Each structure stands twice: as structure tokens, then as C-alpha cells.
Amino acid sequence: MTGLDFHPVFTRLLFLLGGVGVTVLIAGLAFVFGLLLAVGLAVLRFENQGTWRRLSRSYSTALTNTPQLSQIFAVFYCLPLMGVMVSPFLSVVIGMTLNAAAYLADILGAGMARVPAVYHEVALTLGLNRRQTYLRVILPYAGRTMFPALANHFQIMILGSAMASIFGVEDLTGRAYDIGSTTFRVLEVMLVTGGLYALLSFALTGVFSLFRRTMERMV
């Protein structure tokens, strides 16, 4: 190769851009389901002092201290051994969901611990039960307080979703591999792909900033 030649990459740019939607879908699904699981984990450690609290903390410790890729591999290979056949796409989503839940539980737990005691007293005065207190007071407060951390983790998941290409999923990185293998312009396609990831991250930063300002005006 005598020099950089981006023409073969740009001729397949639409195909490459199609992978952006898959990337966002993987990260989005894993984040939403991971957040739902994280809420349960955070409530367990917030409400309980015994076995359930230790199990919740142990879950987060185990998954935050092992590679996410190995967790996806475990889902990808172990589920079929258990008789559960899932697609590579779903395997990646499940693996990333389990990993995200561990991190998001820590984030939400920190936010819930910051809820002022007076909020609990007001909820009690208004006659709210525990479920209502969590849904209307504690979780909304924790979400607003920890929104930057939650948004930052979603952006990390966008970049981490590139691991899906290892399992044959045609996300942004997977399609980049396809283009590189057919055009033999691996460096060029990876430079373009890196730029697309950067643009996606910048766009998400703008969206999250706008959303945060909107929330602040509503409070």
C-alpha cells in the first residue's frame, strides 16, 4: 500500500452507516434492561442488611471485576449448553445487560444514599407506602443526582458494543471488518469508523446536556 485511499470506503459508506443503528440498539437495549435490573439490586442493598444485601453487592463486585467480553462469551456458550438457543445479537445484549446492571446498581445506590432524610419524612407525612416512596421520591431524586454518571456509562456502552463484532453481529465495527476484508483498506475503514464513533459520542453528549437542562427547568 503506497498511501491512504479512502475511496473504496466512501463507496460503501451507507453500508457502514447502517451499523450505527445496530450499535445504538445494542447499547440502548442493554442499558434499559440493565437499569431495570440495577433498580432491583440497588433497592435490595438499600432496604436489607442481611443476605440479600450481600448478594447484591457480591453481584456487582463479581461483574465489575471481570472482563465484559468474558461475560458475553459465557452467555454465548453457556445458554446453548443449557438448551437455550439465542442469536449472537441477543447473547451480546444479555451479556452487556448483566454487566451494565452491576455498574448502574452502584451508581443508583450512591444516588439513593444521598436522598436527604427530610424527603423520607415528607413521604411518610403524605402517607406514601414504600413502593410509592421509591417511585415518586427516592428513584427520581437518585436519577437526577446521578444523571451525568448514568449518561456517561451509556456512552461507554456505545463504545463497548464494538465487542459484538467478535460474535458476528454487524454493528458499526462488524461492518467495518466486512469492508476492510473486501477492500483491503483496513486502516482507512478503521479511521472512518473511529470518526463515526466520535461523532456519535459528541451527538449523545449534546442530547444528554439538553435533556439535563430540561429536567433542571422542570424541577
Protein backbone atom coordinates (compact mmCIF):
# COMPACT_ATOMS: atom_id res chain seq x y z
CA MET A 1 0.00 0.00 0.00
CA THR A 2 1.61 3.25 -1.18
CA GLY A 3 -0.75 5.63 0.60
CA LEU A 4 -4.15 6.13 2.11
CA ASP A 5 -7.08 5.61 -0.24
CA PHE A 6 -10.49 6.32 1.27
CA HIS A 7 -12.43 5.97 -1.98
CA PRO A 8 -13.24 2.24 -1.51
CA VAL A 9 -14.52 3.04 1.97
CA PHE A 10 -16.64 6.02 0.95
CA THR A 11 -18.29 3.99 -1.80
CA ARG A 12 -19.64 1.70 0.94
CA LEU A 13 -20.31 4.47 3.45
CA LEU A 14 -24.07 3.87 3.51
CA PHE A 15 -23.47 0.22 4.40
CA LEU A 16 -21.12 1.32 7.18
CA LEU A 17 -23.59 3.90 8.49
CA GLY A 18 -26.22 1.18 8.71
CA GLY A 19 -24.18 -0.32 11.52
CA VAL A 20 -24.66 2.80 13.63
CA GLY A 21 -28.30 1.90 14.22
CA VAL A 22 -27.34 -1.61 15.30
CA THR A 23 -24.71 -0.20 17.67
CA VAL A 24 -27.20 2.18 19.29
CA LEU A 25 -29.82 -0.57 19.51
CA ILE A 26 -27.46 -2.97 21.29
CA ALA A 27 -26.32 -0.34 23.79
CA GLY A 28 -29.83 1.03 24.24
CA LEU A 29 -31.44 -2.33 24.97
CA ALA A 30 -28.65 -3.36 27.32
CA PHE A 31 -28.82 -0.02 29.13
CA VAL A 32 -32.60 -0.07 29.61
CA PHE A 33 -32.77 -3.67 30.81
CA GLY A 34 -29.60 -3.21 32.84
CA LEU A 35 -31.11 -0.15 34.52
CA LEU A 36 -34.27 -2.06 35.42
CA LEU A 37 -32.20 -4.85 36.96
CA ALA A 38 -29.99 -2.27 38.68
CA VAL A 39 -33.01 -0.68 40.35
CA GLY A 40 -33.84 -4.03 41.95
CA LEU A 41 -30.24 -4.57 43.03
CA ALA A 42 -29.97 -1.07 44.49
CA VAL A 43 -33.23 -1.42 46.41
CA LEU A 44 -32.07 -4.74 47.85
CA ARG A 45 -28.91 -3.21 49.28
CA PHE A 46 -30.80 -0.10 50.41
CA GLU A 47 -33.60 -1.98 52.16
CA ASN A 48 -31.82 -5.04 53.53
CA GLN A 49 -28.90 -5.51 55.87
CA GLY A 50 -28.55 -9.28 55.56
CA THR A 51 -28.16 -11.92 52.88
CA TRP A 52 -29.93 -10.06 50.06
CA ARG A 53 -27.75 -7.01 50.52
CA ARG A 54 -24.60 -9.13 50.45
CA LEU A 55 -25.81 -10.94 47.32
CA SER A 56 -26.46 -7.64 45.57
CA ARG A 57 -23.03 -6.31 46.44
CA SER A 58 -21.39 -9.62 45.51
CA TYR A 59 -23.07 -9.50 42.10
CA SER A 60 -21.69 -6.03 41.41
CA THR A 61 -18.26 -6.96 42.70
CA ALA A 62 -18.07 -10.08 40.55
CA LEU A 63 -19.16 -8.43 37.31
CA THR A 64 -17.26 -5.18 37.70
CA ASN A 65 -14.02 -7.04 38.36
CA THR A 66 -14.13 -9.41 35.39
CA PRO A 67 -13.87 -8.56 31.68
CA GLN A 68 -17.16 -7.80 30.00
CA LEU A 69 -16.05 -9.82 26.99
CA SER A 70 -15.70 -12.96 29.11
CA GLN A 71 -19.23 -12.40 30.43
CA ILE A 72 -20.61 -12.20 26.90
CA PHE A 73 -18.68 -15.35 25.97
CA ALA A 74 -20.20 -17.10 28.99
CA VAL A 75 -23.71 -16.19 27.82
CA PHE A 76 -22.92 -17.06 24.20
CA TYR A 77 -21.65 -20.57 25.02
CA CYS A 78 -23.40 -21.48 28.27
CA LEU A 79 -27.00 -20.81 27.25
CA PRO A 80 -26.91 -23.33 24.37
CA LEU A 81 -25.41 -25.91 26.76
CA MET A 82 -28.48 -25.33 28.94
CA GLY A 83 -30.76 -25.90 25.96
CA VAL A 84 -31.50 -22.19 25.43
CA MET A 85 -30.72 -21.19 21.86
CA VAL A 86 -30.25 -17.46 21.33
CA SER A 87 -28.86 -15.43 18.47
CA PRO A 88 -25.43 -13.78 18.67
CA PHE A 89 -27.20 -10.40 18.84
CA LEU A 90 -29.28 -11.46 21.84
CA SER A 91 -26.25 -13.06 23.51
CA VAL A 92 -24.40 -9.75 23.33
CA VAL A 93 -27.39 -7.82 24.64
CA ILE A 94 -27.82 -10.22 27.58
CA GLY A 95 -24.13 -10.14 28.43
CA MET A 96 -23.98 -6.36 28.29
CA THR A 97 -27.20 -6.10 30.30
CA LEU A 98 -25.80 -8.18 33.13
CA ASN A 99 -22.60 -6.13 33.11
CA ALA A 100 -24.43 -2.80 32.96
CA ALA A 101 -26.67 -3.77 35.88
CA ALA A 102 -23.64 -4.22 38.12
CA TYR A 103 -22.27 -0.75 37.37
CA LEU A 104 -25.64 1.00 37.32
CA ALA A 105 -26.60 -0.54 40.68
CA ASP A 106 -23.53 1.09 42.21
CA ILE A 107 -24.41 4.42 40.59
CA LEU A 108 -28.04 4.31 41.71
CA GLY A 109 -27.05 3.10 45.16
CA ALA A 110 -24.82 6.12 45.59
CA GLY A 111 -27.64 8.40 44.45
CA MET A 112 -30.17 6.81 46.78
CA ALA A 113 -27.79 7.23 49.71
CA ARG A 114 -27.74 10.99 49.02
CA VAL A 115 -31.50 11.44 49.37
CA PRO A 116 -31.99 13.87 52.30
CA ALA A 117 -33.74 12.46 55.34
CA VAL A 118 -36.38 15.17 55.07
CA TYR A 119 -37.57 13.62 51.79
CA HIS A 120 -38.35 10.39 53.61
CA GLU A 121 -40.16 12.32 56.31
CA VAL A 122 -42.27 14.21 53.79
CA ALA A 123 -43.16 10.96 52.01
CA LEU A 124 -44.22 9.46 55.33
CA THR A 125 -46.28 12.54 56.14
CA LEU A 126 -48.05 12.31 52.78
CA GLY A 127 -48.96 8.71 53.52
CA LEU A 128 -46.88 7.17 50.75
CA ASN A 129 -46.08 3.48 51.13
CA ARG A 130 -42.60 2.09 50.45
CA ARG A 131 -43.28 1.39 46.78
CA GLN A 132 -44.69 4.84 46.19
CA THR A 133 -41.81 6.43 48.09
CA TYR A 134 -39.29 4.72 45.83
CA LEU A 135 -41.15 5.50 42.61
CA ARG A 136 -42.05 9.10 43.41
CA VAL A 137 -39.25 10.28 45.69
CA ILE A 138 -36.11 8.18 46.04
CA LEU A 139 -35.53 6.93 42.48
CA PRO A 140 -36.38 10.25 40.78
CA TYR A 141 -34.00 12.08 43.13
CA ALA A 142 -31.27 9.49 42.58
CA GLY A 143 -31.80 9.63 38.82
CA ARG A 144 -31.45 13.42 38.70
CA THR A 145 -28.45 13.41 41.03
CA MET A 146 -26.59 10.67 39.19
CA PHE A 147 -27.73 11.58 35.66
CA PRO A 148 -24.23 12.58 34.49
CA ALA A 149 -22.82 9.24 35.67
CA LEU A 150 -25.67 7.32 34.04
CA ALA A 151 -25.25 9.21 30.76
CA ASN A 152 -21.50 8.66 30.84
CA HIS A 153 -21.96 4.93 31.33
CA PHE A 154 -24.31 4.76 28.34
CA GLN A 155 -21.63 6.36 26.19
CA ILE A 156 -19.14 3.80 27.47
CA MET A 157 -21.60 1.09 26.48
CA ILE A 158 -21.84 2.54 22.96
CA LEU A 159 -18.09 2.11 22.57
CA GLY A 160 -18.10 -1.27 24.33
CA SER A 161 -20.74 -2.60 21.96
CA ALA A 162 -17.95 -2.95 19.38
CA MET A 163 -17.33 -6.34 21.01
CA ALA A 164 -20.48 -7.56 19.26
CA SER A 165 -18.47 -7.81 16.04
CA ILE A 166 -16.50 -10.70 17.57
CA PHE A 167 -19.71 -12.73 17.61
CA GLY A 168 -20.62 -11.94 14.02
CA VAL A 169 -23.05 -9.13 14.74
CA GLU A 170 -22.99 -6.48 12.02
CA ASP A 171 -22.80 -3.42 14.19
CA LEU A 172 -20.62 -0.47 13.20
CA THR A 173 -17.37 -2.32 13.92
CA GLY A 174 -18.67 -5.54 12.37
CA ARG A 175 -19.48 -3.77 9.12
CA ALA A 176 -16.10 -2.07 9.21
CA TYR A 177 -14.47 -5.51 9.35
CA ASP A 178 -16.56 -6.59 6.36
CA ILE A 179 -15.48 -3.57 4.33
CA GLY A 180 -11.85 -3.99 5.35
CA SER A 181 -11.81 -7.65 4.35
CA THR A 182 -13.23 -6.94 0.89
CA THR A 183 -11.40 -3.70 0.05
CA PHE A 184 -8.14 -4.46 1.88
CA ARG A 185 -8.26 -0.90 3.20
CA VAL A 186 -8.31 -1.81 6.87
CA LEU A 187 -6.56 1.33 8.13
CA GLU A 188 -8.81 3.64 6.16
CA VAL A 189 -12.05 1.98 7.22
CA MET A 190 -10.97 1.92 10.86
CA LEU A 191 -10.11 5.62 10.75
CA VAL A 192 -13.53 6.39 9.31
CA THR A 193 -15.19 4.10 11.86
CA GLY A 194 -13.35 5.78 14.71
CA GLY A 195 -14.58 9.14 13.43
CA LEU A 196 -18.15 7.86 13.36
CA TYR A 197 -17.88 6.65 16.96
CA ALA A 198 -16.53 10.07 17.95
CA LEU A 199 -19.36 11.87 16.15
CA LEU A 200 -21.88 9.58 17.83
CA SER A 201 -20.38 10.30 21.25
CA PHE A 202 -20.45 14.06 20.62
CA ALA A 203 -24.07 13.84 19.49
CA LEU A 204 -25.05 11.89 22.61
CA THR A 205 -23.25 14.42 24.80
CA GLY A 206 -25.35 17.17 23.26
CA VAL A 207 -28.57 15.22 23.68
CA PHE A 208 -27.82 14.40 27.32
CA SER A 209 -26.88 18.02 28.08
CA LEU A 210 -30.14 19.23 26.57
CA PHE A 211 -32.12 16.60 28.48
CA ARG A 212 -30.42 17.55 31.74
CA ARG A 213 -31.18 21.25 31.28
CA THR A 214 -34.78 20.36 30.54
CA MET A 215 -35.02 18.34 33.74
CA GLU A 216 -33.50 21.18 35.77
CA ARG A 217 -36.09 23.63 34.45
CA MET A 218 -38.89 21.22 35.35
CA VAL A 219 -37.77 20.83 38.96
